[in-house]
Structures are given as C-alpha cells and as structure tokens.
Amino acid sequence: MTSGPIVTDKGDSDGCAWGDFNNDGLLDLYVCNWTTTDWLYRNRGNGAFERVTNAGLGELNAVSVGCAWAISTTTGGLTSSLPDAAAGGMPCIATG
C-alpha cells in the first residue's frame, strides 16, 4: 500500500488494532493518536481504506496510547477498548 488515507494521514500515532467493526468480513483499522483525534479506517475490500468519521468509534478525542478489539457479550458486536492516558490510564469503551 503506497497511497490513501492510511499512508497519508499524519498524527502522533501510538498504537493500532485490526478488527471487523462493520461485520462485512474485512479487517478494518483503528489508529490511536496522542495529540490528535483517533482514526477508524474501513476496509473497502479492493486494497483501499477510507477514513470513517460517523461510526461512533472514529474521531475519539482522547489521549489514546493503545487499543484492542473484543466481542461484546451484550451486543455480540465488536467493542473497542482505548486506554486514555489523560484519564490516568482508565479505558474509554466504544461499542460498534
């Protein structure tokens, strides 16, 4: 991959996690940033990714230092856990 938002977006990225947030069978990417908002990229399935800004997960404004995906026992969907360094390392939970 040499072009597109995953390559060209610039930030102080500290971690990332792959997970299928929209249940389309393709791995999507969540990127944690220290000084800018976090980013969620949807896998379009053709070798390209697009930045998602309206899924309730992308654009989280926290001092994120890492993230992980897990299956929610409540909804059955993916849940993202994002440790927020500004909150003393307490996790911010976002459910997709």
PDB file of N, CA and C in Angstrom:
ATOM      1  N   MET A   1       0.845  -1.158   0.000  1.00  0.00           N
ATOM      2  CA  MET A   1       0.000   0.000   0.000  1.00  0.00           C
ATOM      3  C   MET A   1       0.903   1.237   0.000  1.00  0.00           C
ATOM      4  N   THR A   2       0.685   2.115  -0.959  1.00  0.00           N
ATOM      5  CA  THR A   2       1.534   3.296  -1.082  1.00  0.00           C
ATOM      6  C   THR A   2       0.752   4.597  -1.152  1.00  0.00           C
ATOM      7  N   SER A   3      -0.569   4.518  -1.114  1.00  0.00           N
ATOM      8  CA  SER A   3      -1.379   5.738  -1.160  1.00  0.00           C
ATOM      9  C   SER A   3      -2.647   5.536  -0.341  1.00  0.00           C
ATOM     10  N   GLY A   4      -3.421   6.600  -0.215  1.00  0.00           N
ATOM     11  CA  GLY A   4      -4.667   6.544   0.543  1.00  0.00           C
ATOM     12  C   GLY A   4      -4.474   7.091   1.937  1.00  0.00           C
ATOM     13  N   PRO A   5      -5.567   7.235   2.691  1.00  0.00           N
ATOM     14  CA  PRO A   5      -5.502   7.884   3.994  1.00  0.00           C
ATOM     15  C   PRO A   5      -4.639   7.159   5.024  1.00  0.00           C
ATOM     16  N   ILE A   6      -4.534   5.841   4.963  1.00  0.00           N
ATOM     17  CA  ILE A   6      -3.695   5.131   5.923  1.00  0.00           C
ATOM     18  C   ILE A   6      -2.239   5.543   5.757  1.00  0.00           C
ATOM     19  N   VAL A   7      -1.847   5.836   4.537  1.00  0.00           N
ATOM     20  CA  VAL A   7      -0.467   6.222   4.245  1.00  0.00           C
ATOM     21  C   VAL A   7      -0.254   7.718   4.440  1.00  0.00           C
ATOM     22  N   THR A   8      -1.234   8.530   4.060  1.00  0.00           N
ATOM     23  CA  THR A   8      -1.015   9.980   4.022  1.00  0.00           C
ATOM     24  C   THR A   8      -1.460  10.729   5.281  1.00  0.00           C
ATOM     25  N   ASP A   9      -2.384  10.173   6.089  1.00  0.00           N
ATOM     26  CA  ASP A   9      -2.795  10.859   7.317  1.00  0.00           C
ATOM     27  C   ASP A   9      -1.609  10.935   8.265  1.00  0.00           C
ATOM     28  N   LYS A  10      -1.432  12.099   8.854  1.00  0.00           N
ATOM     29  CA  LYS A  10      -0.299  12.300   9.753  1.00  0.00           C
ATOM     30  C   LYS A  10      -0.798  12.573  11.164  1.00  0.00           C
ATOM     31  N   GLY A  11      -0.176  11.930  12.130  1.00  0.00           N
ATOM     32  CA  GLY A  11      -0.530  12.129  13.521  1.00  0.00           C
ATOM     33  C   GLY A  11       0.536  11.548  14.423  1.00  0.00           C
ATOM     34  N   ASP A  12       0.345  11.711  15.679  1.00  0.00           N
ATOM     35  CA  ASP A  12       1.251  11.170  16.678  1.00  0.00           C
ATOM     36  C   ASP A  12       0.689   9.819  17.125  1.00  0.00           C
ATOM     37  N   SER A  13       0.773   8.841  16.234  1.00  0.00           N
ATOM     38  CA  SER A  13       0.126   7.543  16.447  1.00  0.00           C
ATOM     39  C   SER A  13       0.920   6.679  17.410  1.00  0.00           C
ATOM     40  N   ASP A  14       0.207   6.086  18.373  1.00  0.00           N
ATOM     41  CA  ASP A  14       0.839   5.289  19.418  1.00  0.00           C
ATOM     42  C   ASP A  14       0.422   3.832  19.422  1.00  0.00           C
ATOM     43  N   GLY A  15      -0.552   3.467  18.645  1.00  0.00           N
ATOM     44  CA  GLY A  15      -0.994   2.086  18.618  1.00  0.00           C
ATOM     45  C   GLY A  15      -2.094   1.898  17.608  1.00  0.00           C
ATOM     46  N   CYS A  16      -2.388   0.644  17.289  1.00  0.00           N
ATOM     47  CA  CYS A  16      -3.477   0.360  16.356  1.00  0.00           C
ATOM     48  C   CYS A  16      -3.991  -1.051  16.618  1.00  0.00           C
ATOM     49  N   ALA A  17      -5.157  -1.321  16.086  1.00  0.00           N
ATOM     50  CA  ALA A  17      -5.743  -2.658  16.202  1.00  0.00           C
ATOM     51  C   ALA A  17      -6.600  -2.921  14.971  1.00  0.00           C
ATOM     52  N   TRP A  18      -6.538  -4.149  14.491  1.00  0.00           N
ATOM     53  CA  TRP A  18      -7.345  -4.585  13.360  1.00  0.00           C
ATOM     54  C   TRP A  18      -8.574  -5.319  13.879  1.00  0.00           C
ATOM     55  N   GLY A  19      -9.745  -5.038  13.293  1.00  0.00           N
ATOM     56  CA  GLY A  19     -10.982  -5.722  13.657  1.00  0.00           C
ATOM     57  C   GLY A  19     -12.057  -5.394  12.637  1.00  0.00           C
ATOM     58  N   ASP A  20     -13.037  -6.241  12.507  1.00  0.00           N
ATOM     59  CA  ASP A  20     -14.120  -6.046  11.536  1.00  0.00           C
ATOM     60  C   ASP A  20     -15.277  -5.314  12.210  1.00  0.00           C
ATOM     61  N   PHE A  21     -15.192  -3.990  12.330  1.00  0.00           N
ATOM     62  CA  PHE A  21     -16.186  -3.236  13.092  1.00  0.00           C
ATOM     63  C   PHE A  21     -17.567  -3.234  12.445  1.00  0.00           C
ATOM     64  N   ASN A  22     -17.673  -3.412  11.135  1.00  0.00           N
ATOM     65  CA  ASN A  22     -18.973  -3.337  10.461  1.00  0.00           C
ATOM     66  C   ASN A  22     -19.473  -4.697   9.963  1.00  0.00           C
ATOM     67  N   ASN A  23     -18.829  -5.765  10.410  1.00  0.00           N
ATOM     68  CA  ASN A  23     -19.271  -7.144  10.116  1.00  0.00           C
ATOM     69  C   ASN A  23     -19.410  -7.444   8.635  1.00  0.00           C
ATOM     70  N   ASP A  24     -18.486  -6.939   7.817  1.00  0.00           N
ATOM     71  CA  ASP A  24     -18.533  -7.245   6.388  1.00  0.00           C
ATOM     72  C   ASP A  24     -17.505  -8.301   5.995  1.00  0.00           C
ATOM     73  N   GLY A  25     -16.809  -8.879   6.981  1.00  0.00           N
ATOM     74  CA  GLY A  25     -15.827  -9.920   6.718  1.00  0.00           C
ATOM     75  C   GLY A  25     -14.442  -9.398   6.384  1.00  0.00           C
ATOM     76  N   LEU A  26     -14.244  -8.079   6.416  1.00  0.00           N
ATOM     77  CA  LEU A  26     -12.954  -7.469   6.097  1.00  0.00           C
ATOM     78  C   LEU A  26     -12.384  -6.793   7.341  1.00  0.00           C
ATOM     79  N   LEU A  27     -11.081  -6.902   7.539  1.00  0.00           N
ATOM     80  CA  LEU A  27     -10.452  -6.276   8.698  1.00  0.00           C
ATOM     81  C   LEU A  27     -10.313  -4.773   8.491  1.00  0.00           C
ATOM     82  N   ASP A  28     -10.818  -4.019   9.439  1.00  0.00           N
ATOM     83  CA  ASP A  28     -10.723  -2.566   9.449  1.00  0.00           C
ATOM     84  C   ASP A  28      -9.627  -2.179  10.442  1.00  0.00           C
ATOM     85  N   LEU A  29      -9.186  -0.921  10.418  1.00  0.00           N
ATOM     86  CA  LEU A  29      -8.066  -0.490  11.242  1.00  0.00           C
ATOM     87  C   LEU A  29      -8.452   0.685  12.121  1.00  0.00           C
ATOM     88  N   TYR A  30      -8.159   0.580  13.420  1.00  0.00           N
ATOM     89  CA  TYR A  30      -8.322   1.687  14.359  1.00  0.00           C
ATOM     90  C   TYR A  30      -6.928   2.155  14.761  1.00  0.00           C
ATOM     91  N   VAL A  31      -6.663   3.467  14.653  1.00  0.00           N
ATOM     92  CA  VAL A  31      -5.352   4.033  14.974  1.00  0.00           C
ATOM     93  C   VAL A  31      -5.500   4.998  16.145  1.00  0.00           C
ATOM     94  N   CYS A  32      -4.702   4.795  17.181  1.00  0.00           N
ATOM     95  CA  CYS A  32      -4.703   5.658  18.359  1.00  0.00           C
ATOM     96  C   CYS A  32      -3.680   6.769  18.176  1.00  0.00           C
ATOM     97  N   ASN A  33      -4.076   7.973  18.540  1.00  0.00           N
ATOM     98  CA  ASN A  33      -3.200   9.132  18.420  1.00  0.00           C
ATOM     99  C   ASN A  33      -3.061   9.833  19.762  1.00  0.00           C
ATOM    100  N   TRP A  34      -1.897  10.375  20.010  1.00  0.00           N
ATOM    101  CA  TRP A  34      -1.613  11.066  21.260  1.00  0.00           C
ATOM    102  C   TRP A  34      -2.136  12.491  21.244  1.00  0.00           C
ATOM    103  N   THR A  35      -1.852  13.253  20.191  1.00  0.00           N
ATOM    104  CA  THR A  35      -2.174  14.683  20.174  1.00  0.00           C
ATOM    105  C   THR A  35      -3.292  15.056  19.213  1.00  0.00           C
ATOM    106  N   THR A  36      -3.809  14.120  18.463  1.00  0.00           N
ATOM    107  CA  THR A  36      -4.930  14.381  17.560  1.00  0.00           C
ATOM    108  C   THR A  36      -6.009  13.335  17.816  1.00  0.00           C
ATOM    109  N   THR A  37      -7.148  13.477  17.177  1.00  0.00           N
ATOM    110  CA  THR A  37      -8.217  12.502  17.347  1.00  0.00           C
ATOM    111  C   THR A  37      -7.797  11.147  16.777  1.00  0.00           C
ATOM    112  N   ASP A  38      -8.381  10.087  17.322  1.00  0.00           N
ATOM    113  CA  ASP A  38      -8.137   8.745  16.810  1.00  0.00           C
ATOM    114  C   ASP A  38      -8.822   8.584  15.462  1.00  0.00           C
ATOM    115  N   TRP A  39      -8.361   7.592  14.700  1.00  0.00           N
ATOM    116  CA  TRP A  39      -8.911   7.372  13.368  1.00  0.00           C
ATOM    117  C   TRP A  39      -9.369   5.936  13.200  1.00  0.00           C
ATOM    118  N   LEU A  40     -10.495   5.767  12.516  1.00  0.00           N
ATOM    119  CA  LEU A  40     -11.010   4.465  12.128  1.00  0.00           C
ATOM    120  C   LEU A  40     -11.035   4.416  10.606  1.00  0.00           C
ATOM    121  N   TYR A  41     -10.457   3.348  10.047  1.00  0.00           N
ATOM    122  CA  TYR A  41     -10.413   3.169   8.599  1.00  0.00           C
ATOM    123  C   TYR A  41     -11.206   1.925   8.210  1.00  0.00           C
ATOM    124  N   ARG A  42     -12.156   2.086   7.310  1.00  0.00           N
ATOM    125  CA  ARG A  42     -12.967   0.969   6.799  1.00  0.00           C
ATOM    126  C   ARG A  42     -12.240   0.344   5.605  1.00  0.00           C
ATOM    127  N   ASN A  43     -12.117  -0.978   5.642  1.00  0.00           N
ATOM    128  CA  ASN A  43     -11.544  -1.732   4.538  1.00  0.00           C
ATOM    129  C   ASN A  43     -12.599  -1.839   3.446  1.00  0.00           C
ATOM    130  N   ARG A  44     -12.307  -1.310   2.272  1.00  0.00           N
ATOM    131  CA  ARG A  44     -13.260  -1.331   1.159  1.00  0.00           C
ATOM    132  C   ARG A  44     -13.197  -2.628   0.360  1.00  0.00           C
ATOM    133  N   GLY A  45     -12.222  -3.490   0.656  1.00  0.00           N
ATOM    134  CA  GLY A  45     -12.149  -4.795   0.019  1.00  0.00           C
ATOM    135  C   GLY A  45     -11.435  -4.806  -1.314  1.00  0.00           C
ATOM    136  N   ASN A  46     -10.977  -3.671  -1.771  1.00  0.00           N
ATOM    137  CA  ASN A  46     -10.302  -3.601  -3.059  1.00  0.00           C
ATOM    138  C   ASN A  46      -8.864  -3.119  -2.898  1.00  0.00           C
ATOM    139  N   GLY A  47      -8.309  -3.306  -1.688  1.00  0.00           N
ATOM    140  CA  GLY A  47      -6.969  -2.833  -1.405  1.00  0.00           C
ATOM    141  C   GLY A  47      -6.940  -1.401  -0.914  1.00  0.00           C
ATOM    142  N   ALA A  48      -8.109  -0.796  -0.767  1.00  0.00           N
ATOM    143  CA  ALA A  48      -8.193   0.601  -0.323  1.00  0.00           C
ATOM    144  C   ALA A  48      -8.941   0.688   1.005  1.00  0.00           C
ATOM    145  N   PHE A  49      -8.631   1.727   1.761  1.00  0.00           N
ATOM    146  CA  PHE A  49      -9.293   2.016   3.024  1.00  0.00           C
ATOM    147  C   PHE A  49      -9.821   3.433   2.983  1.00  0.00           C
ATOM    148  N   GLU A  50     -10.943   3.668   3.665  1.00  0.00           N
ATOM    149  CA  GLU A  50     -11.468   5.029   3.779  1.00  0.00           C
ATOM    150  C   GLU A  50     -11.628   5.363   5.251  1.00  0.00           C
ATOM    151  N   ARG A  51     -11.364   6.622   5.571  1.00  0.00           N
ATOM    152  CA  ARG A  51     -11.484   7.069   6.956  1.00  0.00           C
ATOM    153  C   ARG A  51     -12.949   7.252   7.301  1.00  0.00           C
ATOM    154  N   VAL A  52     -13.358   6.695   8.435  1.00  0.00           N
ATOM    155  CA  VAL A  52     -14.744   6.746   8.887  1.00  0.00           C
ATOM    156  C   VAL A  52     -14.852   7.817   9.974  1.00  0.00           C
ATOM    157  N   THR A  53     -15.831   8.695   9.831  1.00  0.00           N
ATOM    158  CA  THR A  53     -16.000   9.761  10.828  1.00  0.00           C
ATOM    159  C   THR A  53     -17.372   9.734  11.481  1.00  0.00           C
ATOM    160  N   ASN A  54     -18.233   8.783  11.114  1.00  0.00           N
ATOM    161  CA  ASN A  54     -19.594   8.795  11.644  1.00  0.00           C
ATOM    162  C   ASN A  54     -20.027   7.454  12.234  1.00  0.00           C
ATOM    163  N   ALA A  55     -19.077   6.634  12.681  1.00  0.00           N
ATOM    164  CA  ALA A  55     -19.427   5.302  13.190  1.00  0.00           C
ATOM    165  C   ALA A  55     -19.485   5.241  14.709  1.00  0.00           C
ATOM    166  N   GLY A  56     -19.216   6.363  15.379  1.00  0.00           N
ATOM    167  CA  GLY A  56     -19.205   6.349  16.832  1.00  0.00           C
ATOM    168  C   GLY A  56     -17.891   5.853  17.406  1.00  0.00           C
ATOM    169  N   LEU A  57     -16.961   5.430  16.559  1.00  0.00           N
ATOM    170  CA  LEU A  57     -15.657   4.960  17.021  1.00  0.00           C
ATOM    171  C   LEU A  57     -14.536   5.864  16.539  1.00  0.00           C
ATOM    172  N   GLY A  58     -14.575   6.278  15.297  1.00  0.00           N
ATOM    173  CA  GLY A  58     -13.542   7.149  14.767  1.00  0.00           C
ATOM    174  C   GLY A  58     -13.675   8.538  15.356  1.00  0.00           C
ATOM    175  N   GLU A  59     -12.619   9.283  15.345  1.00  0.00           N
ATOM    176  CA  GLU A  59     -12.595  10.662  15.816  1.00  0.00           C
ATOM    177  C   GLU A  59     -12.755  10.790  17.328  1.00  0.00           C
ATOM    178  N   LEU A  60     -12.452   9.735  18.084  1.00  0.00           N
ATOM    179  CA  LEU A  60     -12.475   9.844  19.539  1.00  0.00           C
ATOM    180  C   LEU A  60     -11.372  10.813  19.952  1.00  0.00           C
ATOM    181  N   ASN A  61     -11.708  11.772  20.785  1.00  0.00           N
ATOM    182  CA  ASN A  61     -10.727  12.774  21.199  1.00  0.00           C
ATOM    183  C   ASN A  61     -10.244  12.440  22.607  1.00  0.00           C
ATOM    184  N   ALA A  62      -9.307  11.525  22.695  1.00  0.00           N
ATOM    185  CA  ALA A  62      -8.709  11.124  23.962  1.00  0.00           C
ATOM    186  C   ALA A  62      -7.209  11.009  23.737  1.00  0.00           C
ATOM    187  N   VAL A  63      -6.462  10.960  24.790  1.00  0.00           N
ATOM    188  CA  VAL A  63      -5.022  10.744  24.670  1.00  0.00           C
ATOM    189  C   VAL A  63      -4.819   9.235  24.661  1.00  0.00           C
ATOM    190  N   SER A  64      -5.024   8.623  23.516  1.00  0.00           N
ATOM    191  CA  SER A  64      -5.002   7.167  23.398  1.00  0.00           C
ATOM    192  C   SER A  64      -3.581   6.653  23.259  1.00  0.00           C
ATOM    193  N   VAL A  65      -3.279   5.604  23.976  1.00  0.00           N
ATOM    194  CA  VAL A  65      -1.942   5.017  23.946  1.00  0.00           C
ATOM    195  C   VAL A  65      -1.958   3.568  23.465  1.00  0.00           C
ATOM    196  N   GLY A  66      -3.092   3.065  23.114  1.00  0.00           N
ATOM    197  CA  GLY A  66      -3.224   1.704  22.625  1.00  0.00           C
ATOM    198  C   GLY A  66      -4.690   1.361  22.514  1.00  0.00           C
ATOM    199  N   CYS A  67      -4.983   0.251  21.867  1.00  0.00           N
ATOM    200  CA  CYS A  67      -6.382  -0.151  21.730  1.00  0.00           C
ATOM    201  C   CYS A  67      -6.453  -1.651  21.487  1.00  0.00           C
ATOM    202  N   ALA A  68      -7.632  -2.190  21.654  1.00  0.00           N
ATOM    203  CA  ALA A  68      -7.875  -3.608  21.413  1.00  0.00           C
ATOM    204  C   ALA A  68      -9.334  -3.802  21.040  1.00  0.00           C
ATOM    205  N   TRP A  69      -9.608  -4.788  20.232  1.00  0.00           N
ATOM    206  CA  TRP A  69     -10.985  -5.155  19.882  1.00  0.00           C
ATOM    207  C   TRP A  69     -11.367  -6.404  20.660  1.00  0.00           C
ATOM    208  N   ALA A  70     -12.633  -6.520  21.003  1.00  0.00           N
ATOM    209  CA  ALA A  70     -13.166  -7.722  21.657  1.00  0.00           C
ATOM    210  C   ALA A  70     -14.633  -7.869  21.262  1.00  0.00           C
ATOM    211  N   ILE A  71     -15.162  -9.059  21.368  1.00  0.00           N
ATOM    212  CA  ILE A  71     -16.575  -9.294  21.092  1.00  0.00           C
ATOM    213  C   ILE A  71     -17.365  -8.943  22.350  1.00  0.00           C
ATOM    214  N   SER A  72     -18.373  -8.092  22.207  1.00  0.00           N
ATOM    215  CA  SER A  72     -19.212  -7.686  23.331  1.00  0.00           C
ATOM    216  C   SER A  72     -20.183  -8.803  23.684  1.00  0.00           C
ATOM    217  N   THR A  73     -20.234  -9.166  24.966  1.00  0.00           N
ATOM    218  CA  THR A  73     -21.197 -10.182  25.391  1.00  0.00           C
ATOM    219  C   THR A  73     -22.610  -9.606  25.450  1.00  0.00           C
ATOM    220  N   THR A  74     -22.714  -8.288  25.430  1.00  0.00           N
ATOM    221  CA  THR A  74     -24.029  -7.642  25.466  1.00  0.00           C
ATOM    222  C   THR A  74     -24.637  -7.521  24.076  1.00  0.00           C
ATOM    223  N   THR A  75     -23.852  -7.031  23.119  1.00  0.00           N
ATOM    224  CA  THR A  75     -24.383  -6.772  21.778  1.00  0.00           C
ATOM    225  C   THR A  75     -23.993  -7.815  20.751  1.00  0.00           C
ATOM    226  N   GLY A  76     -22.939  -8.590  21.025  1.00  0.00           N
ATOM    227  CA  GLY A  76     -22.442  -9.552  20.057  1.00  0.00           C
ATOM    228  C   GLY A  76     -21.553  -8.913  19.004  1.00  0.00           C
ATOM    229  N   GLY A  77     -21.424  -7.587  19.024  1.00  0.00           N
ATOM    230  CA  GLY A  77     -20.575  -6.879  18.071  1.00  0.00           C
ATOM    231  C   GLY A  77     -19.221  -6.592  18.672  1.00  0.00           C
ATOM    232  N   LEU A  78     -18.352  -5.998  17.866  1.00  0.00           N
ATOM    233  CA  LEU A  78     -17.023  -5.644  18.350  1.00  0.00           C
ATOM    234  C   LEU A  78     -17.084  -4.449  19.281  1.00  0.00           C
ATOM    235  N   THR A  79     -16.271  -4.476  20.298  1.00  0.00           N
ATOM    236  CA  THR A  79     -16.112  -3.365  21.222  1.00  0.00           C
ATOM    237  C   THR A  79     -14.646  -2.965  21.200  1.00  0.00           C
ATOM    238  N   SER A  80     -14.390  -1.678  21.210  1.00  0.00           N
ATOM    239  CA  SER A  80     -13.028  -1.173  21.215  1.00  0.00           C
ATOM    240  C   SER A  80     -12.703  -0.640  22.595  1.00  0.00           C
ATOM    241  N   SER A  81     -11.590  -1.079  23.161  1.00  0.00           N
ATOM    242  CA  SER A  81     -11.136  -0.580  24.453  1.00  0.00           C
ATOM    243  C   SER A  81      -9.911   0.292  24.217  1.00  0.00           C
ATOM    244  N   LEU A  82      -9.974   1.543  24.681  1.00  0.00           N
ATOM    245  CA  LEU A  82      -8.935   2.524  24.406  1.00  0.00           C
ATOM    246  C   LEU A  82      -8.444   3.128  25.703  1.00  0.00           C
ATOM    247  N   PRO A  83      -7.270   2.735  26.186  1.00  0.00           N
ATOM    248  CA  PRO A  83      -6.744   3.346  27.405  1.00  0.00           C
ATOM    249  C   PRO A  83      -6.474   4.835  27.183  1.00  0.00           C
ATOM    250  N   ASP A  84      -7.038   5.685  28.009  1.00  0.00           N
ATOM    251  CA  ASP A  84      -6.883   7.137  27.892  1.00  0.00           C
ATOM    252  C   ASP A  84      -5.849   7.601  28.908  1.00  0.00           C
ATOM    253  N   ALA A  85      -4.663   7.983  28.417  1.00  0.00           N
ATOM    254  CA  ALA A  85      -3.576   8.391  29.315  1.00  0.00           C
ATOM    255  C   ALA A  85      -3.937   9.630  30.121  1.00  0.00           C
ATOM    256  N   ALA A  86      -4.734  10.526  29.550  1.00  0.00           N
ATOM    257  CA  ALA A  86      -5.119  11.751  30.259  1.00  0.00           C
ATOM    258  C   ALA A  86      -6.038  11.446  31.430  1.00  0.00           C
ATOM    259  N   ALA A  87      -6.727  10.311  31.384  1.00  0.00           N
ATOM    260  CA  ALA A  87      -7.623   9.920  32.469  1.00  0.00           C
ATOM    261  C   ALA A  87      -6.925   8.944  33.413  1.00  0.00           C
ATOM    262  N   GLY A  88      -5.604   8.982  33.461  1.00  0.00           N
ATOM    263  CA  GLY A  88      -4.852   8.108  34.357  1.00  0.00           C
ATOM    264  C   GLY A  88      -4.828   6.672  33.899  1.00  0.00           C
ATOM    265  N   GLY A  89      -4.963   6.449  32.609  1.00  0.00           N
ATOM    266  CA  GLY A  89      -4.912   5.097  32.077  1.00  0.00           C
ATOM    267  C   GLY A  89      -6.240   4.365  32.106  1.00  0.00           C
ATOM    268  N   MET A  90      -7.306   5.046  32.522  1.00  0.00           N
ATOM    269  CA  MET A  90      -8.625   4.418  32.553  1.00  0.00           C
ATOM    270  C   MET A  90      -9.128   4.207  31.124  1.00  0.00           C
ATOM    271  N   PRO A  91      -9.746   3.060  30.829  1.00  0.00           N
ATOM    272  CA  PRO A  91     -10.177   2.801  29.461  1.00  0.00           C
ATOM    273  C   PRO A  91     -11.442   3.576  29.089  1.00  0.00           C
ATOM    274  N   CYS A  92     -11.454   4.018  27.849  1.00  0.00           N
ATOM    275  CA  CYS A  92     -12.673   4.545  27.227  1.00  0.00           C
ATOM    276  C   CYS A  92     -13.223   3.384  26.420  1.00  0.00           C
ATOM    277  N   ILE A  93     -14.455   3.035  26.573  1.00  0.00           N
ATOM    278  CA  ILE A  93     -15.047   1.913  25.836  1.00  0.00           C
ATOM    279  C   ILE A  93     -15.988   2.474  24.784  1.00  0.00           C
ATOM    280  N   ALA A  94     -15.806   2.037  23.540  1.00  0.00           N
ATOM    281  CA  ALA A  94     -16.682   2.440  22.448  1.00  0.00           C
ATOM    282  C   ALA A  94     -17.220   1.188  21.797  1.00  0.00           C
ATOM    283  N   THR A  95     -18.508   1.065  21.682  1.00  0.00           N
ATOM    284  CA  THR A  95     -19.132  -0.134  21.120  1.00  0.00           C
ATOM    285  C   THR A  95     -19.667   0.167  19.738  1.00  0.00           C
ATOM    286  N   GLY A  96     -19.327  -0.712  18.802  1.00  0.00           N
ATOM    287  CA  GLY A  96     -19.781  -0.541  17.428  1.00  0.00           C
ATOM    288  C   GLY A  96     -20.853  -1.531  17.082  1.00  0.00           C
TER     289      GLY A  96
END
